[in-house]
């Protein structure tokens, strides 16, 4: 998988957004960060061994946008994404963290 550099804005995790994220991804780890960029969302779950999911379905993006409200963040995060998400710059957390891509198949183990 080719890696690409991405910049986005960190948004507030609301209870409704966390509920939708769990529904869309099946991830049982708590949602810790939502990043909005280019008409899609990157969701980061957990803090010790974080995982990420990418949401780009238009209906899901719209529902998540509504769930978060109209608050626009000025906190820009920068990362490289491929098989892992490598966080380069994070104004609200640690930089240098690698997140694995969430896989629903992990629940079978």
C-alpha atoms as a PDB file:
ATOM      1  CA  UNK A   1       0.000   0.000   0.000  1.00  0.00           C
ATOM      2  CA  UNK A   2       1.369   3.374  -1.027  1.00  0.00           C
ATOM      3  CA  UNK A   3       1.857   5.931   1.734  1.00  0.00           C
ATOM      4  CA  UNK A   4       0.521   9.442   1.378  1.00  0.00           C
ATOM      5  CA  UNK A   5       0.980  12.579   3.414  1.00  0.00           C
ATOM      6  CA  UNK A   6      -2.231  13.946   4.925  1.00  0.00           C
ATOM      7  CA  UNK A   7      -3.112  17.095   6.857  1.00  0.00           C
ATOM      8  CA  UNK A   8      -6.369  17.485   8.704  1.00  0.00           C
ATOM      9  CA  UNK A   9      -8.056  19.101  11.656  1.00  0.00           C
ATOM     10  CA  UNK A  10      -8.629  17.463  15.024  1.00  0.00           C
ATOM     11  CA  UNK A  11     -12.303  17.610  15.978  1.00  0.00           C
ATOM     12  CA  UNK A  12     -14.097  17.109  19.292  1.00  0.00           C
ATOM     13  CA  UNK A  13     -15.176  13.550  20.071  1.00  0.00           C
ATOM     14  CA  UNK A  14     -18.828  13.746  21.097  1.00  0.00           C
ATOM     15  CA  UNK A  15     -20.750  10.794  22.568  1.00  0.00           C
ATOM     16  CA  UNK A  16     -22.878  10.538  19.399  1.00  0.00           C
ATOM     17  CA  UNK A  17     -19.783  10.618  17.148  1.00  0.00           C
ATOM     18  CA  UNK A  18     -18.165   7.875  19.265  1.00  0.00           C
ATOM     19  CA  UNK A  19     -21.326   5.775  18.963  1.00  0.00           C
ATOM     20  CA  UNK A  20     -21.410   6.189  15.165  1.00  0.00           C
ATOM     21  CA  UNK A  21     -17.683   5.432  14.855  1.00  0.00           C
ATOM     22  CA  UNK A  22     -18.169   2.159  16.713  1.00  0.00           C
ATOM     23  CA  UNK A  23     -21.180   1.299  14.526  1.00  0.00           C
ATOM     24  CA  UNK A  24     -19.333   2.062  11.260  1.00  0.00           C
ATOM     25  CA  UNK A  25     -16.063   0.311  12.132  1.00  0.00           C
ATOM     26  CA  UNK A  26     -16.942  -2.348  14.690  1.00  0.00           C
ATOM     27  CA  UNK A  27     -13.940  -1.190  16.746  1.00  0.00           C
ATOM     28  CA  UNK A  28     -14.417  -1.918  20.453  1.00  0.00           C
ATOM     29  CA  UNK A  29     -11.560   0.361  21.566  1.00  0.00           C
ATOM     30  CA  UNK A  30     -12.672   3.856  22.738  1.00  0.00           C
ATOM     31  CA  UNK A  31     -12.554   6.597  20.098  1.00  0.00           C
ATOM     32  CA  UNK A  32      -9.905   9.137  21.108  1.00  0.00           C
ATOM     33  CA  UNK A  33      -9.441  11.395  18.060  1.00  0.00           C
ATOM     34  CA  UNK A  34     -11.380  12.432  14.971  1.00  0.00           C
ATOM     35  CA  UNK A  35      -9.474  14.034  12.100  1.00  0.00           C
ATOM     36  CA  UNK A  36     -11.388  15.691   9.265  1.00  0.00           C
ATOM     37  CA  UNK A  37      -9.676  16.114   5.902  1.00  0.00           C
ATOM     38  CA  UNK A  38     -10.729  16.355   2.263  1.00  0.00           C
ATOM     39  CA  UNK A  39     -14.322  15.174   2.730  1.00  0.00           C
ATOM     40  CA  UNK A  40     -13.433  12.187   4.889  1.00  0.00           C
ATOM     41  CA  UNK A  41     -12.557  11.279   8.457  1.00  0.00           C
ATOM     42  CA  UNK A  42      -9.693   9.395  10.045  1.00  0.00           C
ATOM     43  CA  UNK A  43     -10.763   7.919  13.368  1.00  0.00           C
ATOM     44  CA  UNK A  44      -8.133   7.034  15.971  1.00  0.00           C
ATOM     45  CA  UNK A  45      -9.083   4.542  18.658  1.00  0.00           C
ATOM     46  CA  UNK A  46      -7.158   3.917  21.882  1.00  0.00           C
ATOM     47  CA  UNK A  47      -4.028   5.447  23.332  1.00  0.00           C
ATOM     48  CA  UNK A  48      -1.591   2.699  24.378  1.00  0.00           C
ATOM     49  CA  UNK A  49      -1.667   0.812  21.071  1.00  0.00           C
ATOM     50  CA  UNK A  50      -3.818   3.051  18.870  1.00  0.00           C
ATOM     51  CA  UNK A  51      -5.508   1.884  15.684  1.00  0.00           C
ATOM     52  CA  UNK A  52      -7.131   3.936  12.956  1.00  0.00           C
ATOM     53  CA  UNK A  53      -9.998   3.677  10.493  1.00  0.00           C
ATOM     54  CA  UNK A  54     -10.785   5.791   7.433  1.00  0.00           C
ATOM     55  CA  UNK A  55     -14.382   6.837   6.757  1.00  0.00           C
ATOM     56  CA  UNK A  56     -15.121   8.189   3.280  1.00  0.00           C
ATOM     57  CA  UNK A  57     -18.674   6.988   2.611  1.00  0.00           C
ATOM     58  CA  UNK A  58     -20.673  10.202   1.956  1.00  0.00           C
ATOM     59  CA  UNK A  59     -23.612   9.186   4.179  1.00  0.00           C
ATOM     60  CA  UNK A  60     -21.331   8.221   7.066  1.00  0.00           C
ATOM     61  CA  UNK A  61     -19.281  11.420   6.661  1.00  0.00           C
ATOM     62  CA  UNK A  62     -22.485  13.484   6.793  1.00  0.00           C
ATOM     63  CA  UNK A  63     -23.777  11.658   9.884  1.00  0.00           C
ATOM     64  CA  UNK A  64     -20.439  12.076  11.700  1.00  0.00           C
ATOM     65  CA  UNK A  65     -20.337  15.774  10.769  1.00  0.00           C
ATOM     66  CA  UNK A  66     -23.788  16.300  12.250  1.00  0.00           C
ATOM     67  CA  UNK A  67     -22.857  14.302  15.375  1.00  0.00           C
ATOM     68  CA  UNK A  68     -19.841  16.535  16.022  1.00  0.00           C
ATOM     69  CA  UNK A  69     -21.724  19.800  15.608  1.00  0.00           C
ATOM     70  CA  UNK A  70     -20.472  22.907  13.872  1.00  0.00           C
ATOM     71  CA  UNK A  71     -17.305  23.492  15.863  1.00  0.00           C
ATOM     72  CA  UNK A  72     -14.375  23.905  13.493  1.00  0.00           C
ATOM     73  CA  UNK A  73     -10.988  23.225  15.026  1.00  0.00           C
ATOM     74  CA  UNK A  74      -7.825  25.194  14.341  1.00  0.00           C
ATOM     75  CA  UNK A  75      -5.658  22.294  15.551  1.00  0.00           C
ATOM     76  CA  UNK A  76      -3.984  20.830  12.479  1.00  0.00           C
ATOM     77  CA  UNK A  77      -2.519  17.334  12.605  1.00  0.00           C
ATOM     78  CA  UNK A  78      -0.126  15.972  10.014  1.00  0.00           C
ATOM     79  CA  UNK A  79       0.486  12.298   9.314  1.00  0.00           C
ATOM     80  CA  UNK A  80       1.537   9.773   6.705  1.00  0.00           C
ATOM     81  CA  UNK A  81      -0.973   7.011   6.037  1.00  0.00           C
ATOM     82  CA  UNK A  82      -0.624   3.576   4.437  1.00  0.00           C
ATOM     83  CA  UNK A  83      -0.582   0.257   6.307  1.00  0.00           C
ATOM     84  CA  UNK A  84       0.065   2.384   9.381  1.00  0.00           C
ATOM     85  CA  UNK A  85      -0.708   5.970  10.284  1.00  0.00           C
ATOM     86  CA  UNK A  86       2.521   7.688  11.300  1.00  0.00           C
ATOM     87  CA  UNK A  87       1.708  10.880  13.195  1.00  0.00           C
ATOM     88  CA  UNK A  88       4.246  13.573  12.330  1.00  0.00           C
ATOM     89  CA  UNK A  89       2.737  16.607  14.061  1.00  0.00           C
ATOM     90  CA  UNK A  90      -0.039  16.540  16.645  1.00  0.00           C
ATOM     91  CA  UNK A  91      -0.985  19.690  18.596  1.00  0.00           C
ATOM     92  CA  UNK A  92      -3.261  17.802  21.011  1.00  0.00           C
ATOM     93  CA  UNK A  93      -1.268  14.634  21.687  1.00  0.00           C
ATOM     94  CA  UNK A  94       1.975  12.832  21.041  1.00  0.00           C
ATOM     95  CA  UNK A  95       3.833  12.995  17.746  1.00  0.00           C
ATOM     96  CA  UNK A  96       5.854  10.076  16.405  1.00  0.00           C
ATOM     97  CA  UNK A  97       3.122   7.520  17.141  1.00  0.00           C
ATOM     98  CA  UNK A  98       2.336   4.725  14.692  1.00  0.00           C
ATOM     99  CA  UNK A  99      -1.245   3.462  14.506  1.00  0.00           C
ATOM    100  CA  UNK A 100      -2.131   0.188  12.825  1.00  0.00           C
ATOM    101  CA  UNK A 101      -5.136   0.111  10.504  1.00  0.00           C
ATOM    102  CA  UNK A 102      -8.163  -1.358  12.325  1.00  0.00           C
ATOM    103  CA  UNK A 103      -9.342  -4.722  11.023  1.00  0.00           C
ATOM    104  CA  UNK A 104     -12.697  -6.171  12.030  1.00  0.00           C
ATOM    105  CA  UNK A 105     -11.164  -9.656  11.703  1.00  0.00           C
ATOM    106  CA  UNK A 106      -9.177  -8.985  14.899  1.00  0.00           C
ATOM    107  CA  UNK A 107     -12.372  -9.531  16.910  1.00  0.00           C
ATOM    108  CA  UNK A 108     -12.394 -13.189  15.843  1.00  0.00           C
ATOM    109  CA  UNK A 109      -9.210 -13.891  17.817  1.00  0.00           C
END
